[in-house]
Amino acid sequence: MKPWEATNMNSKDRNIDELLKGAKEALKSQNEEEIFEFEKIKFQIDFMQKVQLLMNDRYKPMSRQELADKLGVSKSMVSQLFSGDKKINIDFIIKIQNIFNKKVILTFEEKRVGNLKTPKPFVKTLNQGSNRRQMSRVSG
């Protein structure tokens, strides 16, 4: 029995919680490989949370089964993408853009590692009518 099975969290919360626990463990290490793994997990969690927000559209919500059908994969595969068991790739990102009629914009912002600043990629989905103040902050 896994530790989280005894709690009464739903499966989505358990999956994210488990990923974050693993990520926190990776942060404790100074090993570059583990830090890199943490950054990959964090990127996927952030991206999939954005996908979940798109799926939760109040006018046209989408289930994981519906997303799976539109992606041409099984519901199990979609669940594995949300849990982090399967990794997202460029094809998946492009399909998400097309399904939701959104453009994924990849930019760089500064992140701090110790006392050093290093570039950090992040993904942002924008509606067609996004406000200009937000755009100028992201791009400049």
N, C-alpha and C. Protein backbone atom coordinates (compact mmCIF):
# COMPACT_ATOMS: atom_id res chain seq x y z
N MET A 1 0.85 -1.19 0.00
CA MET A 1 0.00 0.00 0.00
C MET A 1 0.89 1.25 0.00
N LYS A 2 0.59 2.16 -0.88
CA LYS A 2 1.37 3.39 -0.97
C LYS A 2 0.86 4.37 0.08
N PRO A 3 1.74 5.26 0.58
CA PRO A 3 1.37 6.16 1.68
C PRO A 3 0.13 6.99 1.40
N TRP A 4 -0.06 7.44 0.17
CA TRP A 4 -1.18 8.34 -0.10
C TRP A 4 -2.51 7.60 -0.24
N GLU A 5 -2.49 6.28 -0.34
CA GLU A 5 -3.72 5.53 -0.50
C GLU A 5 -4.59 5.56 0.76
N ALA A 6 -3.99 5.86 1.89
CA ALA A 6 -4.75 5.91 3.13
C ALA A 6 -5.49 7.24 3.30
N THR A 7 -5.14 8.24 2.52
CA THR A 7 -5.79 9.54 2.64
C THR A 7 -7.07 9.55 1.84
N ASN A 8 -7.89 10.60 2.07
CA ASN A 8 -9.12 10.69 1.30
C ASN A 8 -9.03 11.77 0.23
N MET A 9 -7.83 12.05 -0.27
CA MET A 9 -7.66 12.97 -1.40
C MET A 9 -8.12 12.25 -2.66
N ASN A 10 -8.62 13.04 -3.64
CA ASN A 10 -8.96 12.38 -4.91
C ASN A 10 -7.69 12.04 -5.66
N SER A 11 -7.82 11.22 -6.70
CA SER A 11 -6.63 10.71 -7.39
C SER A 11 -5.81 11.80 -8.05
N LYS A 12 -6.46 12.86 -8.57
CA LYS A 12 -5.70 13.95 -9.19
C LYS A 12 -4.81 14.63 -8.16
N ASP A 13 -5.39 14.90 -6.96
CA ASP A 13 -4.61 15.53 -5.90
C ASP A 13 -3.47 14.64 -5.43
N ARG A 14 -3.72 13.33 -5.35
CA ARG A 14 -2.67 12.40 -4.93
C ARG A 14 -1.53 12.40 -5.93
N ASN A 15 -1.86 12.40 -7.23
CA ASN A 15 -0.82 12.37 -8.26
C ASN A 15 0.05 13.61 -8.19
N ILE A 16 -0.57 14.77 -8.11
CA ILE A 16 0.19 16.01 -8.03
C ILE A 16 0.99 16.05 -6.74
N ASP A 17 0.36 15.62 -5.64
CA ASP A 17 1.04 15.60 -4.35
C ASP A 17 2.27 14.70 -4.40
N GLU A 18 2.13 13.53 -5.01
CA GLU A 18 3.25 12.59 -5.11
C GLU A 18 4.37 13.17 -5.98
N LEU A 19 4.00 13.81 -7.10
CA LEU A 19 5.01 14.45 -7.95
C LEU A 19 5.76 15.53 -7.19
N LEU A 20 5.03 16.34 -6.44
CA LEU A 20 5.67 17.43 -5.71
C LEU A 20 6.57 16.90 -4.59
N LYS A 21 6.16 15.81 -3.95
CA LYS A 21 7.02 15.21 -2.93
C LYS A 21 8.34 14.75 -3.54
N GLY A 22 8.25 14.10 -4.70
CA GLY A 22 9.46 13.66 -5.40
C GLY A 22 10.31 14.85 -5.81
N ALA A 23 9.65 15.91 -6.23
CA ALA A 23 10.36 17.11 -6.64
C ALA A 23 11.08 17.75 -5.46
N LYS A 24 10.43 17.79 -4.31
CA LYS A 24 11.07 18.36 -3.12
C LYS A 24 12.30 17.56 -2.73
N GLU A 25 12.21 16.24 -2.86
CA GLU A 25 13.37 15.40 -2.58
C GLU A 25 14.52 15.72 -3.53
N ALA A 26 14.18 15.94 -4.80
CA ALA A 26 15.21 16.28 -5.79
C ALA A 26 15.87 17.61 -5.45
N LEU A 27 15.10 18.53 -4.91
CA LEU A 27 15.66 19.84 -4.56
C LEU A 27 16.67 19.75 -3.42
N LYS A 28 16.49 18.79 -2.53
CA LYS A 28 17.40 18.66 -1.40
C LYS A 28 18.80 18.25 -1.85
N SER A 29 18.89 17.66 -3.01
CA SER A 29 20.16 17.17 -3.52
C SER A 29 20.88 18.25 -4.31
N GLN A 30 22.20 18.19 -4.29
CA GLN A 30 22.99 19.10 -5.11
C GLN A 30 23.34 18.46 -6.45
N ASN A 31 22.85 17.24 -6.66
CA ASN A 31 23.11 16.49 -7.88
C ASN A 31 22.40 17.17 -9.06
N GLU A 32 23.15 17.55 -10.08
CA GLU A 32 22.58 18.27 -11.23
C GLU A 32 21.53 17.44 -11.95
N GLU A 33 21.73 16.14 -12.03
CA GLU A 33 20.77 15.28 -12.71
C GLU A 33 19.42 15.29 -12.00
N GLU A 34 19.43 15.24 -10.67
CA GLU A 34 18.18 15.27 -9.91
C GLU A 34 17.51 16.63 -10.01
N ILE A 35 18.28 17.69 -10.00
CA ILE A 35 17.72 19.03 -10.17
C ILE A 35 17.08 19.15 -11.54
N PHE A 36 17.74 18.60 -12.56
CA PHE A 36 17.19 18.62 -13.91
C PHE A 36 15.87 17.85 -13.95
N GLU A 37 15.81 16.69 -13.29
CA GLU A 37 14.57 15.90 -13.22
C GLU A 37 13.47 16.71 -12.56
N PHE A 38 13.80 17.42 -11.49
CA PHE A 38 12.81 18.27 -10.82
C PHE A 38 12.27 19.32 -11.78
N GLU A 39 13.14 19.96 -12.52
CA GLU A 39 12.71 21.01 -13.44
C GLU A 39 11.80 20.44 -14.52
N LYS A 40 12.07 19.23 -14.99
CA LYS A 40 11.19 18.60 -15.98
C LYS A 40 9.82 18.32 -15.38
N ILE A 41 9.81 17.80 -14.17
CA ILE A 41 8.54 17.49 -13.49
C ILE A 41 7.75 18.78 -13.28
N LYS A 42 8.41 19.80 -12.80
CA LYS A 42 7.75 21.09 -12.55
C LYS A 42 7.17 21.66 -13.83
N PHE A 43 7.92 21.60 -14.92
CA PHE A 43 7.45 22.10 -16.20
C PHE A 43 6.19 21.35 -16.62
N GLN A 44 6.21 20.02 -16.50
CA GLN A 44 5.05 19.22 -16.90
C GLN A 44 3.85 19.52 -16.01
N ILE A 45 4.06 19.64 -14.71
CA ILE A 45 2.96 19.97 -13.80
C ILE A 45 2.35 21.31 -14.18
N ASP A 46 3.20 22.30 -14.40
CA ASP A 46 2.70 23.63 -14.78
C ASP A 46 1.91 23.56 -16.07
N PHE A 47 2.44 22.85 -17.06
CA PHE A 47 1.76 22.76 -18.35
C PHE A 47 0.42 22.04 -18.21
N MET A 48 0.41 20.92 -17.51
CA MET A 48 -0.82 20.15 -17.39
C MET A 48 -1.86 20.88 -16.55
N GLN A 49 -1.43 21.72 -15.60
CA GLN A 49 -2.38 22.54 -14.87
C GLN A 49 -3.05 23.55 -15.81
N LYS A 50 -2.28 24.08 -16.75
CA LYS A 50 -2.85 24.99 -17.76
C LYS A 50 -3.85 24.25 -18.64
N VAL A 51 -3.53 23.02 -19.01
CA VAL A 51 -4.45 22.21 -19.81
C VAL A 51 -5.74 21.98 -19.02
N GLN A 52 -5.60 21.66 -17.72
CA GLN A 52 -6.78 21.43 -16.88
C GLN A 52 -7.65 22.68 -16.82
N LEU A 53 -7.03 23.85 -16.73
CA LEU A 53 -7.80 25.10 -16.74
C LEU A 53 -8.58 25.25 -18.05
N LEU A 54 -7.95 24.91 -19.16
CA LEU A 54 -8.65 24.96 -20.44
C LEU A 54 -9.81 23.96 -20.46
N MET A 55 -9.60 22.80 -19.88
CA MET A 55 -10.65 21.77 -19.83
C MET A 55 -11.80 22.19 -18.93
N ASN A 56 -11.54 23.03 -17.96
CA ASN A 56 -12.57 23.45 -17.00
C ASN A 56 -13.36 24.67 -17.48
N ASP A 57 -13.25 25.00 -18.75
CA ASP A 57 -13.99 26.14 -19.30
C ASP A 57 -15.45 26.08 -18.85
N ARG A 58 -15.95 27.16 -18.28
CA ARG A 58 -17.30 27.11 -17.71
C ARG A 58 -18.38 26.99 -18.77
N TYR A 59 -18.11 27.38 -20.00
CA TYR A 59 -19.12 27.29 -21.05
C TYR A 59 -19.06 25.97 -21.80
N LYS A 60 -17.89 25.36 -21.84
CA LYS A 60 -17.76 24.08 -22.55
C LYS A 60 -16.70 23.22 -21.87
N PRO A 61 -17.03 22.67 -20.68
CA PRO A 61 -16.05 21.82 -19.99
C PRO A 61 -15.76 20.55 -20.79
N MET A 62 -14.55 20.03 -20.59
CA MET A 62 -14.13 18.83 -21.31
C MET A 62 -13.63 17.80 -20.31
N SER A 63 -14.09 16.57 -20.45
CA SER A 63 -13.62 15.49 -19.59
C SER A 63 -12.29 14.95 -20.12
N ARG A 64 -11.64 14.16 -19.31
CA ARG A 64 -10.39 13.53 -19.75
C ARG A 64 -10.66 12.56 -20.89
N GLN A 65 -11.82 11.91 -20.86
CA GLN A 65 -12.17 11.00 -21.96
C GLN A 65 -12.33 11.78 -23.26
N GLU A 66 -12.99 12.95 -23.20
CA GLU A 66 -13.15 13.77 -24.39
C GLU A 66 -11.79 14.25 -24.91
N LEU A 67 -10.91 14.64 -23.98
CA LEU A 67 -9.57 15.07 -24.39
C LEU A 67 -8.83 13.90 -25.05
N ALA A 68 -8.95 12.73 -24.46
CA ALA A 68 -8.30 11.54 -25.03
C ALA A 68 -8.81 11.27 -26.44
N ASP A 69 -10.11 11.37 -26.63
CA ASP A 69 -10.69 11.14 -27.96
C ASP A 69 -10.14 12.15 -28.97
N LYS A 70 -10.04 13.40 -28.56
CA LYS A 70 -9.54 14.44 -29.47
C LYS A 70 -8.05 14.27 -29.76
N LEU A 71 -7.30 13.74 -28.79
CA LEU A 71 -5.87 13.49 -28.98
C LEU A 71 -5.61 12.19 -29.74
N GLY A 72 -6.63 11.33 -29.80
CA GLY A 72 -6.46 10.03 -30.45
C GLY A 72 -5.69 9.04 -29.60
N VAL A 73 -5.84 9.17 -28.27
CA VAL A 73 -5.18 8.26 -27.33
C VAL A 73 -6.21 7.75 -26.34
N SER A 74 -5.80 6.84 -25.48
CA SER A 74 -6.71 6.31 -24.46
C SER A 74 -6.83 7.29 -23.29
N LYS A 75 -7.92 7.12 -22.54
CA LYS A 75 -8.11 7.92 -21.33
C LYS A 75 -6.98 7.64 -20.34
N SER A 76 -6.53 6.39 -20.33
CA SER A 76 -5.42 6.00 -19.46
C SER A 76 -4.16 6.79 -19.79
N MET A 77 -3.90 6.98 -21.08
CA MET A 77 -2.72 7.76 -21.50
C MET A 77 -2.84 9.20 -21.01
N VAL A 78 -4.03 9.79 -21.12
CA VAL A 78 -4.23 11.16 -20.65
C VAL A 78 -4.00 11.22 -19.14
N SER A 79 -4.52 10.25 -18.41
CA SER A 79 -4.30 10.21 -16.96
C SER A 79 -2.82 10.10 -16.63
N GLN A 80 -2.08 9.32 -17.42
CA GLN A 80 -0.64 9.18 -17.21
C GLN A 80 0.10 10.49 -17.50
N LEU A 81 -0.39 11.25 -18.47
CA LEU A 81 0.22 12.56 -18.74
C LEU A 81 -0.02 13.51 -17.57
N PHE A 82 -1.24 13.49 -17.01
CA PHE A 82 -1.54 14.34 -15.87
C PHE A 82 -0.77 13.91 -14.63
N SER A 83 -0.54 12.62 -14.46
CA SER A 83 0.16 12.13 -13.27
C SER A 83 1.67 12.25 -13.40
N GLY A 84 2.16 12.43 -14.63
CA GLY A 84 3.60 12.51 -14.84
C GLY A 84 4.23 11.17 -15.17
N ASP A 85 3.41 10.10 -15.21
CA ASP A 85 3.94 8.78 -15.56
C ASP A 85 4.40 8.75 -17.01
N LYS A 86 3.73 9.49 -17.88
CA LYS A 86 4.14 9.67 -19.28
C LYS A 86 4.52 11.13 -19.45
N LYS A 87 5.50 11.38 -20.27
CA LYS A 87 6.00 12.75 -20.46
C LYS A 87 5.35 13.41 -21.66
N ILE A 88 5.11 14.71 -21.53
CA ILE A 88 4.60 15.47 -22.66
C ILE A 88 5.73 15.66 -23.67
N ASN A 89 5.35 15.87 -24.93
CA ASN A 89 6.34 16.14 -25.97
C ASN A 89 5.79 17.23 -26.89
N ILE A 90 6.56 17.60 -27.87
CA ILE A 90 6.17 18.68 -28.78
C ILE A 90 4.87 18.32 -29.52
N ASP A 91 4.74 17.09 -29.97
CA ASP A 91 3.50 16.69 -30.66
C ASP A 91 2.28 16.93 -29.78
N PHE A 92 2.40 16.55 -28.51
CA PHE A 92 1.29 16.74 -27.57
C PHE A 92 0.97 18.23 -27.42
N ILE A 93 1.98 19.05 -27.27
CA ILE A 93 1.77 20.49 -27.09
C ILE A 93 1.06 21.08 -28.32
N ILE A 94 1.49 20.69 -29.51
CA ILE A 94 0.86 21.19 -30.74
C ILE A 94 -0.60 20.72 -30.82
N LYS A 95 -0.86 19.47 -30.47
CA LYS A 95 -2.24 18.97 -30.48
C LYS A 95 -3.11 19.75 -29.50
N ILE A 96 -2.58 20.06 -28.33
CA ILE A 96 -3.33 20.84 -27.33
C ILE A 96 -3.66 22.22 -27.91
N GLN A 97 -2.69 22.85 -28.55
CA GLN A 97 -2.96 24.14 -29.20
C GLN A 97 -4.14 24.03 -30.15
N ASN A 98 -4.13 23.00 -30.98
CA ASN A 98 -5.17 22.84 -31.99
C ASN A 98 -6.53 22.50 -31.38
N ILE A 99 -6.54 21.65 -30.38
CA ILE A 99 -7.80 21.25 -29.74
C ILE A 99 -8.49 22.45 -29.09
N PHE A 100 -7.72 23.28 -28.40
CA PHE A 100 -8.30 24.40 -27.66
C PHE A 100 -8.25 25.71 -28.43
N ASN A 101 -7.74 25.67 -29.64
CA ASN A 101 -7.61 26.87 -30.46
C ASN A 101 -6.87 27.98 -29.69
N LYS A 102 -5.78 27.59 -29.07
CA LYS A 102 -4.93 28.50 -28.31
C LYS A 102 -3.51 28.37 -28.82
N LYS A 103 -2.74 29.40 -28.62
CA LYS A 103 -1.33 29.35 -29.00
C LYS A 103 -0.50 29.29 -27.72
N VAL A 104 0.41 28.35 -27.67
CA VAL A 104 1.34 28.26 -26.54
C VAL A 104 2.51 29.17 -26.87
N ILE A 105 2.79 30.07 -25.95
CA ILE A 105 3.90 31.01 -26.15
C ILE A 105 4.99 30.65 -25.15
N LEU A 106 6.15 30.36 -25.65
CA LEU A 106 7.29 29.98 -24.83
C LEU A 106 8.22 31.17 -24.73
N THR A 107 8.49 31.61 -23.52
CA THR A 107 9.40 32.74 -23.31
C THR A 107 10.39 32.37 -22.21
N PHE A 108 11.30 33.26 -21.96
CA PHE A 108 12.27 33.07 -20.90
C PHE A 108 12.13 34.20 -19.89
N GLU A 109 12.26 33.85 -18.63
CA GLU A 109 12.31 34.84 -17.56
C GLU A 109 13.46 34.46 -16.64
N GLU A 110 13.89 35.38 -15.84
CA GLU A 110 15.00 35.10 -14.94
C GLU A 110 14.54 34.23 -13.78
N LYS A 111 15.37 33.28 -13.39
CA LYS A 111 15.14 32.51 -12.17
C LYS A 111 16.41 32.56 -11.34
N ARG A 112 16.26 32.43 -10.08
CA ARG A 112 17.42 32.49 -9.19
C ARG A 112 17.82 31.08 -8.80
N VAL A 113 19.10 30.82 -8.90
CA VAL A 113 19.70 29.58 -8.41
C VAL A 113 20.82 30.04 -7.50
N GLY A 114 20.60 29.92 -6.20
CA GLY A 114 21.57 30.49 -5.26
C GLY A 114 21.58 31.99 -5.45
N ASN A 115 22.75 32.55 -5.68
CA ASN A 115 22.87 33.98 -5.92
C ASN A 115 22.96 34.32 -7.40
N LEU A 116 22.87 33.30 -8.26
CA LEU A 116 23.01 33.51 -9.69
C LEU A 116 21.65 33.59 -10.36
N LYS A 117 21.56 34.38 -11.41
CA LYS A 117 20.35 34.41 -12.23
C LYS A 117 20.61 33.56 -13.46
N THR A 118 19.65 32.68 -13.78
CA THR A 118 19.76 31.86 -14.98
C THR A 118 18.43 31.89 -15.72
N PRO A 119 18.43 31.75 -17.05
CA PRO A 119 17.17 31.77 -17.78
C PRO A 119 16.32 30.54 -17.47
N LYS A 120 15.01 30.74 -17.39
CA LYS A 120 14.08 29.65 -17.11
C LYS A 120 12.94 29.70 -18.13
N PRO A 121 12.71 28.59 -18.87
CA PRO A 121 11.59 28.59 -19.81
C PRO A 121 10.28 28.40 -19.07
N PHE A 122 9.23 28.99 -19.58
CA PHE A 122 7.91 28.70 -19.07
C PHE A 122 6.91 28.82 -20.20
N VAL A 123 5.79 28.14 -20.04
CA VAL A 123 4.77 28.11 -21.09
C VAL A 123 3.59 28.94 -20.61
N LYS A 124 3.04 29.71 -21.52
CA LYS A 124 1.89 30.52 -21.18
C LYS A 124 0.90 30.43 -22.32
N THR A 125 -0.35 30.13 -22.01
CA THR A 125 -1.36 30.15 -23.05
C THR A 125 -2.07 31.48 -22.96
N LEU A 126 -2.31 32.08 -24.08
CA LEU A 126 -2.96 33.39 -24.11
C LEU A 126 -4.22 33.33 -24.96
N ASN A 127 -5.24 34.00 -24.50
CA ASN A 127 -6.44 34.15 -25.32
C ASN A 127 -6.13 35.14 -26.42
N GLN A 128 -6.93 35.12 -27.47
CA GLN A 128 -6.70 36.04 -28.57
C GLN A 128 -6.77 37.48 -28.09
N GLY A 129 -7.60 37.79 -27.13
CA GLY A 129 -7.76 39.16 -26.65
C GLY A 129 -7.02 39.42 -25.36
N SER A 130 -5.81 38.91 -25.20
CA SER A 130 -5.07 39.11 -23.95
C SER A 130 -4.71 40.58 -23.79
N ASN A 131 -4.60 41.01 -22.53
CA ASN A 131 -4.36 42.44 -22.33
C ASN A 131 -2.91 42.81 -22.61
N ARG A 132 -2.71 44.03 -23.07
CA ARG A 132 -1.39 44.47 -23.51
C ARG A 132 -0.40 44.62 -22.37
N ARG A 133 -0.88 45.01 -21.19
CA ARG A 133 0.02 45.14 -20.05
C ARG A 133 0.67 43.80 -19.75
N GLN A 134 -0.12 42.75 -19.76
CA GLN A 134 0.41 41.42 -19.51
C GLN A 134 1.41 41.03 -20.59
N MET A 135 1.09 41.32 -21.84
CA MET A 135 2.00 40.98 -22.93
C MET A 135 3.31 41.73 -22.80
N SER A 136 3.27 43.02 -22.45
CA SER A 136 4.51 43.77 -22.37
C SER A 136 5.38 43.28 -21.22
N ARG A 137 4.73 42.83 -20.12
CA ARG A 137 5.49 42.30 -19.00
C ARG A 137 6.23 41.02 -19.42
N VAL A 138 5.54 40.18 -20.19
CA VAL A 138 6.14 38.92 -20.60
C VAL A 138 7.25 39.13 -21.61
N SER A 139 7.03 40.04 -22.56
CA SER A 139 8.00 40.19 -23.63
C SER A 139 9.05 41.25 -23.35
N GLY A 140 8.92 42.04 -22.35
CA GLY A 140 9.93 43.06 -22.18
C GLY A 140 10.16 43.54 -20.84
